Amino acid sequence: MEASVMPESRSHSPETLSRIKKIADPRHILCREDMLWVLHYVQQKVAQGEPALLELPKPRLLQNFQFFGEAALLLLDRSAAGHAQDERIRICLREAMHGLVPPASGERS
């Protein structure tokens, strides 16, 4: 592949975008499978060396990692589930995917 040719780093299947949108929707009740799906999605993108991640500044990459870790820990402690914790998990999942997916409308960058 020629160095000037960029891979399709910002394209997502309609199924992937639909799933991400559903998980980000506060009306959707998060389940363990949703959380695992996002964590696996992020892990895959990191392992693949996703160009969109490589474009992020180092402090933002550290934030992504922090939110990824927090989401994983919250997943382990789902016994105290409630609206506040669900919203915190949703925020962590969204922030862990920062740079990988288009921001939701009305969301700050």
Protein backbone atom coordinates (compact mmCIF):
# COMPACT_ATOMS: atom_id res chain seq x y z
CA MET A 1 0.00 0.00 0.00
CA GLU A 2 1.27 3.45 -0.86
CA ALA A 3 2.09 5.69 2.11
CA SER A 4 -0.20 8.48 0.89
CA VAL A 5 -3.22 6.17 0.72
CA MET A 6 -5.13 6.19 3.98
CA PRO A 7 -7.13 3.14 5.05
CA GLU A 8 -10.85 3.49 5.70
CA SER A 9 -10.25 4.33 9.34
CA ARG A 10 -13.45 6.27 9.88
CA SER A 11 -15.96 3.99 8.25
CA HIS A 12 -18.18 1.78 10.35
CA SER A 13 -20.76 -0.75 9.35
CA PRO A 14 -24.38 0.35 9.80
CA GLU A 15 -24.74 -2.41 12.42
CA THR A 16 -21.79 -1.06 14.42
CA LEU A 17 -23.07 2.53 14.31
CA SER A 18 -26.56 1.36 15.26
CA ARG A 19 -25.23 -0.59 18.23
CA ILE A 20 -23.10 2.33 19.42
CA LYS A 21 -26.06 4.72 19.09
CA LYS A 22 -28.29 2.33 21.05
CA ILE A 23 -25.72 1.94 23.83
CA ALA A 24 -25.26 5.74 24.04
CA ASP A 25 -29.03 6.32 24.32
CA PRO A 26 -29.90 7.10 27.98
CA ARG A 27 -33.29 5.42 27.46
CA HIS A 28 -31.56 2.12 26.68
CA ILE A 29 -30.97 -0.03 29.75
CA LEU A 30 -27.34 -1.12 29.64
CA CYS A 31 -26.69 -4.81 29.99
CA ARG A 32 -23.47 -6.71 30.57
CA GLU A 33 -23.35 -7.69 26.88
CA ASP A 34 -23.44 -4.00 25.82
CA MET A 35 -20.54 -3.17 28.10
CA LEU A 36 -18.48 -6.16 26.98
CA TRP A 37 -19.20 -5.31 23.33
CA VAL A 38 -17.81 -1.76 23.73
CA LEU A 39 -14.75 -2.94 25.67
CA HIS A 40 -14.04 -5.58 23.04
CA TYR A 41 -14.61 -3.04 20.22
CA VAL A 42 -12.08 -0.62 21.74
CA GLN A 43 -9.60 -3.43 22.43
CA GLN A 44 -9.83 -4.57 18.80
CA LYS A 45 -9.27 -1.05 17.46
CA VAL A 46 -6.21 -0.58 19.70
CA ALA A 47 -4.80 -3.98 18.66
CA GLN A 48 -5.33 -3.09 14.98
CA GLY A 49 -3.46 0.21 15.41
CA GLU A 50 -6.52 2.19 14.35
CA PRO A 51 -5.25 5.37 12.59
CA ALA A 52 -7.92 7.50 14.27
CA LEU A 53 -6.43 6.61 17.66
CA LEU A 54 -2.91 7.36 16.48
CA GLU A 55 -4.05 10.88 15.57
CA LEU A 56 -5.17 11.62 19.14
CA PRO A 57 -2.83 13.59 21.40
CA LYS A 58 -1.16 11.55 24.15
CA PRO A 59 -3.18 13.16 26.99
CA ARG A 60 -6.42 12.17 25.22
CA LEU A 61 -5.15 8.61 24.72
CA LEU A 62 -4.49 8.43 28.46
CA GLN A 63 -8.03 9.66 29.11
CA ASN A 64 -9.40 6.96 26.81
CA PHE A 65 -7.40 4.36 28.74
CA GLN A 66 -8.59 5.75 32.08
CA PHE A 67 -12.24 5.54 30.99
CA PHE A 68 -11.70 2.06 29.52
CA GLY A 69 -10.30 0.88 32.86
CA GLU A 70 -13.06 2.53 34.86
CA ALA A 71 -15.74 0.96 32.65
CA ALA A 72 -14.12 -2.45 33.13
CA LEU A 73 -14.08 -2.00 36.92
CA LEU A 74 -17.68 -0.81 36.97
CA LEU A 75 -18.63 -3.88 34.95
CA LEU A 76 -17.06 -6.07 37.63
CA ASP A 77 -19.06 -4.27 40.34
CA ARG A 78 -22.50 -4.33 38.74
CA SER A 79 -24.10 -5.39 42.05
CA ALA A 80 -24.70 -1.74 42.95
CA ALA A 81 -26.54 -1.05 39.69
CA GLY A 82 -28.70 2.01 39.58
CA HIS A 83 -29.48 4.95 37.34
CA ALA A 84 -26.47 6.99 38.51
CA GLN A 85 -24.07 4.09 38.01
CA ASP A 86 -25.60 3.24 34.62
CA GLU A 87 -25.07 6.83 33.50
CA ARG A 88 -21.47 6.78 34.77
CA ILE A 89 -20.84 3.53 32.87
CA ARG A 90 -22.39 5.02 29.72
CA ILE A 91 -20.10 8.07 30.00
CA CYS A 92 -17.04 5.85 30.52
CA LEU A 93 -17.92 3.70 27.51
CA ARG A 94 -18.48 6.76 25.30
CA GLU A 95 -15.21 8.35 26.43
CA ALA A 96 -13.28 5.10 25.94
CA MET A 97 -14.45 5.16 22.30
CA HIS A 98 -13.44 8.82 21.83
CA GLY A 99 -11.86 9.25 18.41
CA LEU A 100 -13.18 5.92 17.14
CA VAL A 101 -16.78 6.92 16.52
CA PRO A 102 -18.46 10.14 15.42
CA PRO A 103 -19.57 12.26 18.40
CA ALA A 104 -23.26 12.19 19.24
CA SER A 105 -25.20 15.30 18.27
CA GLY A 106 -25.03 17.96 20.94
CA GLU A 107 -21.94 16.39 22.49
CA ARG A 108 -18.87 18.46 23.18
CA SER A 109 -15.60 17.46 21.50
